[in-house]
Amino acid sequence: MSTTATDSIPEQFQEFWGIVVNVWETSFLGIGVGQGLLAILVVLIGIGIRGLIAKWLLAALQRLARRSETEFDDAVVEALAGPMKLVPVIIALFFAINIVQLGGDGALRGHQFVQSLVVIALFWALHNAVGPFAFALQGLRNALTPVMVDWLTKALRIVFIVVGAAAVLQVWDIPVAGIVAGLGLFGVAIGLGAQDLFKNLIAGILILTEKRFLPGDWVKVDGVVEGTVEEINFRSTLVRRFDKGPVYVPNSKLSDNAVTNFSRMTHRRIKWAIGVRYDTTSEQLREIRDKVLAYVSDNPEFADPPEVATFMRVDAFGPSSIDFLLYCFTKTTNWGEWLRLKEELAFFVKQTVEEAGTEFAFPSTSVYLESGAEVFEPPQDGTAGAVAAGKA
C-alpha cells in the first residue's frame, strides 16, 4: 500500500462525516434532524397534556362544580372544556416553532399560525360562554321571555363567529374591508331574492315581542295547524300536531293570521243543549233545572259567578223536544281533567232526568187523527182473493 493511499483514508472519513453532519443539520425539511425531532416531541407532550387536562383537570373541575347548589358553574366548565383542551397544543406549537428556528418568511407564517389558534381558542370560549351567561340572567328571561333570550343567545354566538373569523383574517394580513364590501353587494343581490326570509324573520320578532305564544303552548291557527308549539326559530315555528306529526309553519303565517292560544284559557267551557220530551210537566222541568244548577254551583271544580257565567235554563221549544241550555265553566284547563268533569256531569244529568220521571227526546214524528175521519182498513187475505175473483 502506498503512502498516498494511506494518507487519503482520514480525508475520506472526514468527507463522509461531513456528509452525515450536513444531512443531520439540513435534511429534516430544511432544518436539523435533532431540531425536528425535538419539535415533534414538544408537540406530542402538548397533546399528552391535553389528554391529561381532559381526563383529570376537567373531571376535577366538574366534581367541584357539582358540589355547588347552582348549575351556572357546571355550565361554565362544560362550555370552556373545548378551548381549555386546545391551550396546551397552542403552547407546544409555539415552542416547537421556536425550536426549529424558521428563518424569514417561515418564522412569520409560523407565528401567524399560532396567533390564529389563539384567536380561535379565545372566540371559541366566548362563543361557548354565551349559553351559561344567558342561563345566569333569570331576571332577563322573565322580562324578555325565554324564547327571546334564546334568540339573543344565537345572535351573540353568530357575532362571535363572524368577529373571530375577521380577526383570523387580520392575523394573515387579509383585508377584511374589501371582503365586507363584496359581501355587502352580494347581500343586496341575495336580499332581493330572499324577501320571504326577511319577512319571516321580522314576523318572528313580532311574535316574540307580542308574546302570542311560547314553547309548550297549545295553539290553533285557522286553516293552518293546531298543536303544541315546540320551537320558535328565525324563519319558522315548529308546531307538533296531536297525532305527533311535526309542522314547520313560516312565521309570517303565524303573524298575519288569527292565533288561538288555548293554553292561556282561564277556564274551560261546557255548553250543552239538553232536550226532554214534550210530555214533561212544568214541575219536572223545574226539578231538572234546579238539581243540575245546584250540582254545578256546589261542585268546587266548577267556576262560579261573577267570575264566569253559569246557566241552566229552559231555552227553546224544538221540533221534537223542550230544550235546556246548560252553560258552565270548569276551573281546570287540562283536557283530560275537563273530559272527566264533563263525563261526571253527563252521568248526573241523565240520572236527574230519569229520577224526574221523564225521558230525553229524540227526533220523532206524531200523527193525529181528527174525530169523524174515515179510517181505511186493508182487506184480509181471503177477502182480497174474493174481490180479485169477482173482478175477473
Protein backbone atom coordinates (compact mmCIF):
# COMPACT_ATOMS: atom_id res chain seq x y z
CA MET A 1 0.00 0.00 0.00
CA SER A 2 1.32 3.41 -0.98
CA THR A 3 1.79 6.31 1.40
CA THR A 4 -0.62 8.46 -0.66
CA ALA A 5 -3.48 5.94 -0.32
CA THR A 6 -2.88 5.64 3.43
CA ASP A 7 -2.93 9.40 3.87
CA SER A 8 -6.26 9.70 1.91
CA ILE A 9 -8.24 7.46 4.32
CA PRO A 10 -8.61 10.10 7.07
CA GLU A 11 -9.55 12.67 4.48
CA GLN A 12 -12.24 10.38 3.03
CA PHE A 13 -13.56 9.67 6.52
CA GLN A 14 -13.74 13.38 7.25
CA GLU A 15 -15.56 13.92 3.97
CA PHE A 16 -18.06 11.18 4.86
CA TRP A 17 -18.56 12.61 8.33
CA GLY A 18 -19.17 15.99 6.77
CA ILE A 19 -21.91 14.46 4.64
CA VAL A 20 -23.52 12.89 7.75
CA VAL A 21 -23.38 16.18 9.63
CA ASN A 22 -24.85 18.06 6.67
CA VAL A 23 -27.68 15.55 6.38
CA TRP A 24 -28.30 15.75 10.15
CA GLU A 25 -28.43 19.55 10.06
CA THR A 26 -30.43 20.12 6.88
CA SER A 27 -32.40 17.06 5.78
CA PHE A 28 -35.43 17.41 8.08
CA LEU A 29 -37.48 19.73 5.85
CA GLY A 30 -34.51 22.08 5.59
CA ILE A 31 -33.68 22.03 9.32
CA GLY A 32 -31.68 19.77 11.58
CA VAL A 33 -32.97 16.31 12.40
CA GLY A 34 -32.39 16.95 16.10
CA GLN A 35 -34.40 20.17 15.99
CA GLY A 36 -37.21 18.45 14.09
CA LEU A 37 -37.36 15.51 16.49
CA LEU A 38 -37.29 17.85 19.48
CA ALA A 39 -40.11 19.93 17.97
CA ILE A 40 -42.17 16.80 17.35
CA LEU A 41 -41.52 15.69 20.92
CA VAL A 42 -42.72 19.05 22.27
CA VAL A 43 -45.92 18.82 20.19
CA LEU A 44 -46.52 15.26 21.42
CA ILE A 45 -46.03 16.44 25.01
CA GLY A 46 -48.61 19.19 24.39
CA ILE A 47 -51.06 16.64 23.00
CA GLY A 48 -50.40 14.40 26.01
CA ILE A 49 -51.02 17.28 28.41
CA ARG A 50 -54.23 17.97 26.52
CA GLY A 51 -55.31 14.42 27.25
CA LEU A 52 -54.44 14.84 30.92
CA ILE A 53 -56.47 18.05 31.06
CA ALA A 54 -59.42 16.27 29.50
CA LYS A 55 -59.13 13.31 31.85
CA TRP A 56 -58.07 14.80 35.18
CA LEU A 57 -58.34 18.58 35.34
CA LEU A 58 -61.76 18.89 33.75
CA ALA A 59 -63.03 15.93 35.76
CA ALA A 60 -61.83 17.63 38.98
CA LEU A 61 -63.47 20.92 37.97
CA GLN A 62 -66.71 19.14 37.17
CA ARG A 63 -66.70 17.44 40.58
CA LEU A 64 -66.20 20.78 42.28
CA ALA A 65 -68.99 22.33 40.22
CA ARG A 66 -71.42 19.57 41.17
CA ARG A 67 -70.93 20.36 44.85
CA SER A 68 -72.46 23.81 44.45
CA GLU A 69 -76.21 24.37 44.55
CA THR A 70 -76.35 26.33 41.29
CA GLU A 71 -75.98 24.93 37.80
CA PHE A 72 -74.17 28.01 36.47
CA ASP A 73 -70.66 26.76 37.29
CA ASP A 74 -71.44 23.35 35.76
CA ALA A 75 -72.45 25.07 32.54
CA VAL A 76 -69.28 27.24 32.58
CA VAL A 77 -66.99 24.22 32.99
CA GLU A 78 -68.81 22.38 30.22
CA ALA A 79 -68.62 25.41 27.91
CA LEU A 80 -64.88 26.04 28.43
CA ALA A 81 -63.83 22.40 28.17
CA GLY A 82 -63.04 22.54 24.44
CA PRO A 83 -60.97 25.77 24.48
CA MET A 84 -59.05 24.57 27.57
CA LYS A 85 -58.02 21.40 25.74
CA LEU A 86 -56.65 23.50 22.88
CA VAL A 87 -54.40 25.70 25.05
CA PRO A 88 -51.61 23.10 25.70
CA VAL A 89 -51.42 22.33 21.98
CA ILE A 90 -51.03 26.03 21.15
CA ILE A 91 -48.24 26.44 23.72
CA ALA A 92 -46.48 23.33 22.40
CA LEU A 93 -46.70 24.58 18.81
CA PHE A 94 -45.24 27.95 19.85
CA PHE A 95 -42.18 26.33 21.46
CA ALA A 96 -41.83 23.87 18.57
CA ILE A 97 -41.70 26.75 16.05
CA ASN A 98 -39.03 28.49 18.14
CA ILE A 99 -37.02 25.26 18.36
CA VAL A 100 -36.87 24.71 14.62
CA GLN A 101 -35.77 28.35 14.17
CA LEU A 102 -37.51 29.01 10.91
CA GLY A 103 -35.96 31.99 9.24
CA GLY A 104 -37.51 34.90 7.40
CA ASP A 105 -40.94 34.24 5.94
CA GLY A 106 -41.21 30.81 7.59
CA ALA A 107 -40.91 32.26 11.10
CA LEU A 108 -43.54 34.89 10.27
CA ARG A 109 -46.00 32.29 8.96
CA GLY A 110 -45.39 30.06 11.97
CA HIS A 111 -46.16 32.84 14.43
CA GLN A 112 -49.22 33.82 12.40
CA PHE A 113 -50.42 30.24 12.66
CA VAL A 114 -50.01 30.30 16.45
CA GLN A 115 -51.79 33.66 16.65
CA SER A 116 -54.66 32.23 14.60
CA LEU A 117 -55.03 29.36 17.05
CA VAL A 118 -55.03 31.81 19.98
CA VAL A 119 -57.80 33.83 18.30
CA ILE A 120 -59.78 30.66 17.62
CA ALA A 121 -59.45 29.49 21.23
CA LEU A 122 -60.47 32.92 22.57
CA PHE A 123 -63.57 33.34 20.42
CA TRP A 124 -64.44 29.66 20.86
CA ALA A 125 -64.51 30.28 24.61
CA LEU A 126 -66.63 33.42 24.17
CA HIS A 127 -69.00 31.56 21.84
CA ASN A 128 -69.48 28.76 24.37
CA ALA A 129 -69.73 31.13 27.34
CA VAL A 130 -72.83 32.81 25.88
CA GLY A 131 -75.01 29.89 26.99
CA PRO A 132 -74.06 29.98 30.70
CA PHE A 133 -74.21 33.78 30.68
CA ALA A 134 -77.77 33.73 29.33
CA PHE A 135 -78.69 30.97 31.80
CA ALA A 136 -77.49 33.18 34.67
CA LEU A 137 -79.75 36.06 33.66
CA GLN A 138 -83.00 34.67 35.05
CA GLY A 139 -84.37 38.17 35.50
CA LEU A 140 -83.78 38.88 31.84
CA ARG A 141 -85.58 35.67 30.93
CA ASN A 142 -88.61 36.77 32.93
CA ALA A 143 -88.62 40.20 31.27
CA LEU A 144 -87.99 39.14 27.65
CA THR A 145 -89.39 35.57 27.69
CA PRO A 146 -87.09 32.53 27.33
CA VAL A 147 -87.54 32.42 23.54
CA MET A 148 -86.30 35.98 23.06
CA VAL A 149 -83.29 35.26 25.30
CA ASP A 150 -82.58 32.19 23.14
CA TRP A 151 -82.71 34.38 20.03
CA LEU A 152 -80.27 36.86 21.63
CA THR A 153 -78.02 33.95 22.56
CA LYS A 154 -77.98 32.69 18.96
CA ALA A 155 -77.32 36.21 17.67
CA LEU A 156 -74.37 36.70 20.07
CA ARG A 157 -72.89 33.38 19.01
CA ILE A 158 -73.14 34.38 15.37
CA VAL A 159 -71.48 37.72 16.19
CA PHE A 160 -68.56 35.97 17.93
CA ILE A 161 -68.14 33.61 14.97
CA VAL A 162 -68.09 36.50 12.46
CA VAL A 163 -65.75 38.67 14.57
CA GLY A 164 -63.46 35.70 15.24
CA ALA A 165 -63.26 34.89 11.53
CA ALA A 166 -62.43 38.55 10.79
CA ALA A 167 -59.71 38.51 13.47
CA VAL A 168 -58.13 35.41 11.91
CA LEU A 169 -58.14 37.10 8.51
CA GLN A 170 -56.46 40.16 10.04
CA VAL A 171 -53.73 37.95 11.50
CA TRP A 172 -52.94 36.69 7.99
CA ASP A 173 -52.94 40.27 6.61
CA ILE A 174 -56.05 39.65 4.54
CA PRO A 175 -58.02 42.92 4.13
CA VAL A 176 -61.39 42.48 5.81
CA ALA A 177 -62.86 45.73 4.49
CA GLY A 178 -62.76 44.54 0.88
CA ILE A 179 -64.42 41.27 1.80
CA VAL A 180 -67.13 43.10 3.75
CA ALA A 181 -67.77 45.41 0.78
CA GLY A 182 -68.02 42.44 -1.53
CA LEU A 183 -70.37 40.68 0.86
CA GLY A 184 -72.47 43.83 1.01
CA LEU A 185 -73.04 43.78 -2.73
CA PHE A 186 -73.64 40.07 -2.58
CA GLY A 187 -76.08 40.62 0.30
CA VAL A 188 -78.09 43.13 -1.73
CA ALA A 189 -78.42 40.61 -4.54
CA ILE A 190 -79.42 37.87 -2.10
CA GLY A 191 -81.81 40.19 -0.27
CA LEU A 192 -83.78 40.88 -3.43
CA GLY A 193 -84.41 37.17 -3.80
CA ALA A 194 -84.88 36.42 -0.12
CA GLN A 195 -87.72 38.74 0.77
CA ASP A 196 -89.71 35.89 2.30
CA LEU A 197 -86.80 35.08 4.59
CA PHE A 198 -86.67 38.62 5.98
CA LYS A 199 -90.45 38.76 6.17
CA ASN A 200 -90.50 35.61 8.30
CA LEU A 201 -87.63 36.93 10.44
CA ILE A 202 -89.48 40.18 11.18
CA ALA A 203 -92.68 38.21 11.82
CA GLY A 204 -90.81 36.04 14.32
CA ILE A 205 -89.58 39.15 16.15
CA LEU A 206 -93.15 40.49 16.28
CA ILE A 207 -94.40 37.17 17.64
CA LEU A 208 -91.84 37.30 20.43
CA THR A 209 -92.42 40.95 21.32
CA GLU A 210 -96.21 40.47 21.38
CA LYS A 211 -95.78 37.21 23.35
CA ARG A 212 -98.52 35.50 21.36
CA PHE A 213 -97.34 32.07 22.41
CA LEU A 214 -94.35 30.29 23.91
CA PRO A 215 -92.93 26.77 23.55
CA GLY A 216 -95.30 24.33 25.21
CA ASP A 217 -98.47 26.30 24.38
CA TRP A 218 -101.42 24.69 22.62
CA VAL A 219 -102.32 26.92 19.66
CA LYS A 220 -104.70 26.83 16.73
CA VAL A 221 -104.21 28.80 13.52
CA ASP A 222 -107.36 28.60 11.40
CA GLY A 223 -106.68 26.75 8.18
CA VAL A 224 -103.00 26.20 9.04
CA VAL A 225 -102.31 24.00 12.06
CA GLU A 226 -103.37 23.06 15.57
CA GLY A 227 -100.97 21.56 18.09
CA THR A 228 -98.25 22.26 20.63
CA VAL A 229 -95.50 24.81 19.96
CA GLU A 230 -92.04 23.26 20.33
CA GLU A 231 -89.57 25.76 18.82
CA ILE A 232 -89.71 29.35 17.56
CA ASN A 233 -86.85 29.78 15.11
CA PHE A 234 -85.70 32.70 12.96
CA ARG A 235 -87.69 31.65 9.90
CA SER A 236 -90.31 29.15 11.06
CA THR A 237 -92.02 27.76 14.13
CA LEU A 238 -92.21 24.04 14.87
CA VAL A 239 -95.73 23.01 15.91
CA ARG A 240 -96.33 19.34 16.74
CA ARG A 241 -99.86 18.21 15.98
CA PHE A 242 -101.75 15.96 18.37
CA ASP A 243 -101.05 13.00 16.07
CA LYS A 244 -97.34 13.75 16.81
CA GLY A 245 -96.66 14.99 13.27
CA PRO A 246 -94.28 17.99 13.18
CA VAL A 247 -95.40 21.02 11.16
CA TYR A 248 -92.90 23.77 10.28
CA VAL A 249 -95.02 26.91 9.89
CA PRO A 250 -93.49 30.10 8.39
CA ASN A 251 -93.58 32.86 10.97
CA SER A 252 -95.43 35.15 8.57
CA LYS A 253 -98.48 32.85 8.68
CA LEU A 254 -98.47 32.95 12.48
CA SER A 255 -98.08 36.72 12.47
CA ASP A 256 -100.73 37.58 9.84
CA ASN A 257 -103.41 35.03 10.82
CA ALA A 258 -105.56 34.88 13.94
CA VAL A 259 -103.98 32.58 16.54
CA THR A 260 -105.98 30.98 19.34
CA ASN A 261 -103.79 30.15 22.35
CA PHE A 262 -105.74 27.55 24.31
CA SER A 263 -103.00 27.28 26.94
CA ARG A 264 -103.91 30.75 28.22
CA MET A 265 -107.54 29.91 28.90
CA THR A 266 -108.56 30.76 32.44
CA HIS A 267 -111.37 28.16 32.37
CA ARG A 268 -112.83 25.58 30.01
CA ARG A 269 -116.43 25.83 28.86
CA ILE A 270 -119.21 23.25 28.76
CA LYS A 271 -122.17 24.21 26.58
CA TRP A 272 -124.96 21.66 26.05
CA ALA A 273 -128.45 21.65 24.63
CA ILE A 274 -130.41 19.05 26.64
CA GLY A 275 -133.73 18.05 25.10
CA VAL A 276 -136.58 16.31 27.01
CA ARG A 277 -139.94 15.05 25.76
CA TYR A 278 -142.87 17.39 25.21
CA ASP A 279 -144.97 15.49 27.73
CA THR A 280 -142.59 16.63 30.51
CA THR A 281 -144.53 18.70 33.04
CA SER A 282 -143.55 22.13 34.32
CA GLU A 283 -142.71 20.68 37.72
CA GLN A 284 -140.42 18.12 36.15
CA LEU A 285 -138.69 20.87 34.15
CA ARG A 286 -138.13 22.91 37.32
CA GLU A 287 -136.80 19.86 39.18
CA ILE A 288 -134.29 19.06 36.45
CA ARG A 289 -133.22 22.70 36.18
CA ASP A 290 -132.71 23.21 39.93
CA LYS A 291 -130.86 19.94 40.56
CA VAL A 292 -128.41 20.38 37.68
CA LEU A 293 -127.78 24.04 38.58
CA ALA A 294 -127.19 23.08 42.22
CA TYR A 295 -124.77 20.35 41.18
CA VAL A 296 -122.69 22.78 39.12
CA SER A 297 -122.83 25.53 41.77
CA ASP A 298 -121.86 23.26 44.68
CA ASN A 299 -119.06 21.44 42.88
CA PRO A 300 -115.70 23.07 43.82
CA GLU A 301 -114.23 22.04 40.46
CA PHE A 302 -116.62 24.32 38.59
CA ALA A 303 -116.17 28.12 38.48
CA ASP A 304 -118.87 30.33 39.99
CA PRO A 305 -120.35 33.70 39.01
CA PRO A 306 -119.40 36.52 38.76
CA GLU A 307 -116.05 35.02 37.69
CA VAL A 308 -117.86 33.24 34.85
CA ALA A 309 -121.41 32.91 33.58
CA THR A 310 -123.38 29.84 34.66
CA PHE A 311 -126.82 28.98 33.28
CA MET A 312 -129.26 26.09 33.37
CA ARG A 313 -132.46 27.35 31.75
CA VAL A 314 -135.32 26.17 29.57
CA ASP A 315 -134.12 27.71 26.34
CA ALA A 316 -136.27 26.65 23.38
CA PHE A 317 -139.15 24.58 22.09
CA GLY A 318 -137.51 22.47 19.45
CA PRO A 319 -139.14 20.37 16.68
CA SER A 320 -139.09 17.27 18.89
CA SER A 321 -138.11 18.42 22.37
CA ILE A 322 -138.14 21.06 25.07
CA ASP A 323 -134.52 22.20 25.25
CA PHE A 324 -132.46 23.22 28.26
CA LEU A 325 -129.32 25.32 27.82
CA LEU A 326 -126.54 24.21 30.19
CA TYR A 327 -123.68 26.72 30.16
CA CYS A 328 -120.84 26.48 32.71
CA PHE A 329 -117.06 26.53 33.10
CA THR A 330 -114.57 24.25 34.83
CA LYS A 331 -111.66 25.65 36.82
CA THR A 332 -109.17 23.30 35.21
CA THR A 333 -107.97 23.86 31.65
CA ASN A 334 -106.35 20.44 31.39
CA TRP A 335 -108.04 18.49 28.63
CA GLY A 336 -108.07 15.16 30.48
CA GLU A 337 -109.47 16.68 33.69
CA TRP A 338 -112.05 18.62 31.69
CA LEU A 339 -113.24 15.42 29.99
CA ARG A 340 -113.56 13.71 33.38
CA LEU A 341 -115.68 16.53 34.83
CA LYS A 342 -117.82 16.64 31.70
CA GLU A 343 -118.41 12.90 31.93
CA GLU A 344 -119.45 13.12 35.59
CA LEU A 345 -121.81 15.96 34.73
CA ALA A 346 -123.33 13.88 31.92
CA PHE A 347 -123.96 10.98 34.32
CA PHE A 348 -125.66 13.34 36.78
CA VAL A 349 -127.86 14.94 34.11
CA LYS A 350 -129.04 11.54 32.89
CA GLN A 351 -129.74 10.38 36.44
CA THR A 352 -131.64 13.58 37.19
CA VAL A 353 -133.85 13.29 34.10
CA GLU A 354 -134.66 9.68 34.94
CA GLU A 355 -135.44 10.48 38.58
CA ALA A 356 -137.76 13.30 37.48
CA GLY A 357 -139.90 10.72 35.66
CA THR A 358 -139.31 11.87 32.12
CA GLU A 359 -137.03 10.97 29.23
CA PHE A 360 -134.65 12.53 26.77
CA ALA A 361 -136.21 13.42 23.44
CA PHE A 362 -135.09 12.27 20.05
CA PRO A 363 -136.24 13.24 16.55
CA SER A 364 -139.72 11.78 16.05
CA THR A 365 -142.99 12.37 14.18
CA SER A 366 -146.52 12.20 15.70
CA VAL A 367 -149.67 11.57 13.58
CA TYR A 368 -153.04 12.83 14.90
CA LEU A 369 -156.47 11.68 13.63
CA GLU A 370 -159.40 14.11 13.73
CA SER A 371 -162.82 12.91 15.03
CA GLY A 372 -165.10 11.54 12.31
CA ALA A 373 -162.42 10.82 9.84
CA GLU A 374 -162.82 7.61 7.82
CA VAL A 375 -160.19 5.04 8.62
CA PHE A 376 -159.09 2.77 5.80
CA GLU A 377 -158.67 -0.86 6.80
CA PRO A 378 -156.91 -3.14 4.33
CA PRO A 379 -158.86 -6.27 3.37
CA GLN A 380 -157.93 -9.67 4.76
CA ASP A 381 -156.26 -12.29 2.55
CA GLY A 382 -159.44 -14.25 1.81
CA THR A 383 -161.43 -11.14 1.09
CA ALA A 384 -158.75 -9.84 -1.15
CA GLY A 385 -158.86 -13.15 -3.10
CA ALA A 386 -162.63 -13.00 -3.44
CA VAL A 387 -162.56 -9.42 -4.64
CA ALA A 388 -159.94 -10.35 -7.17
CA ALA A 389 -162.04 -13.32 -8.40
CA GLY A 390 -165.17 -11.15 -8.72
CA LYS A 391 -163.35 -8.64 -10.83
CA ALA A 392 -162.13 -11.42 -13.04
